[in-house]
Amino acid sequence: MNYELSLKFQKFKLPRSVKLRIVYVIIMNLTNSMNGFSLNQFGSVMKFAIDLESDLAEYYQNSKLSGNQQVYKEEFAIRVTASLKRKKNIERSRRENVTEITLEPIEGLNSDDYKLNFSDFSVDGINKNEEIAIKFFSEAGPKINVLETRRVFKRCLKEHSNLNTL
């Protein structure tokens, strides 16, 4: 935090939770302005998780519409709904728990390790993307320092793990 910003905090005697929100917004603006994702802050991990679930929902929707996967049409519809539900839970956790966070760096997460292949609608491609989602939630969950968010990630991991393998 720069000196000018810290003077403003002192001048207005802001509560700690408000200070954390301000710092969080500043960090999110900086993170969102970058081209890529570095998963080293709470906000960037949450954004990545939200985008992952959103992208998976779209991927399953496209898989459902692709001609060669008509056998799994119902399964894809279930997965679309589940992905959108997980996305909402992650968004809610991010919104509600932001005041509790201590902005500590998160180490050991690299977005390149969790790239999904949205062009492969084969059964193997779909299963591989689920494995990547499982890997992300299993590795990111323990690194999050907000208990409720960690629980949300654990539920996401459980739901992804319990999906039927195609």
Foldseek 3Di string as FASTA:
>chain_A
DDPVVVVVCVVVVDDLLVVLVVVVVVVLVVQVVDPDQDQWWPVSLLVVLLVLLQVLLVLLVVLLVDPVNVVCNVLSVVSNVVSVVLSVLSVVCCVPCSSVDDTDTFPDDDVVQQDQDSVDSDLVSNVVNLVSLLVSLVVVLVRGPGVSSSVSSVVSNVVSVPRDRD
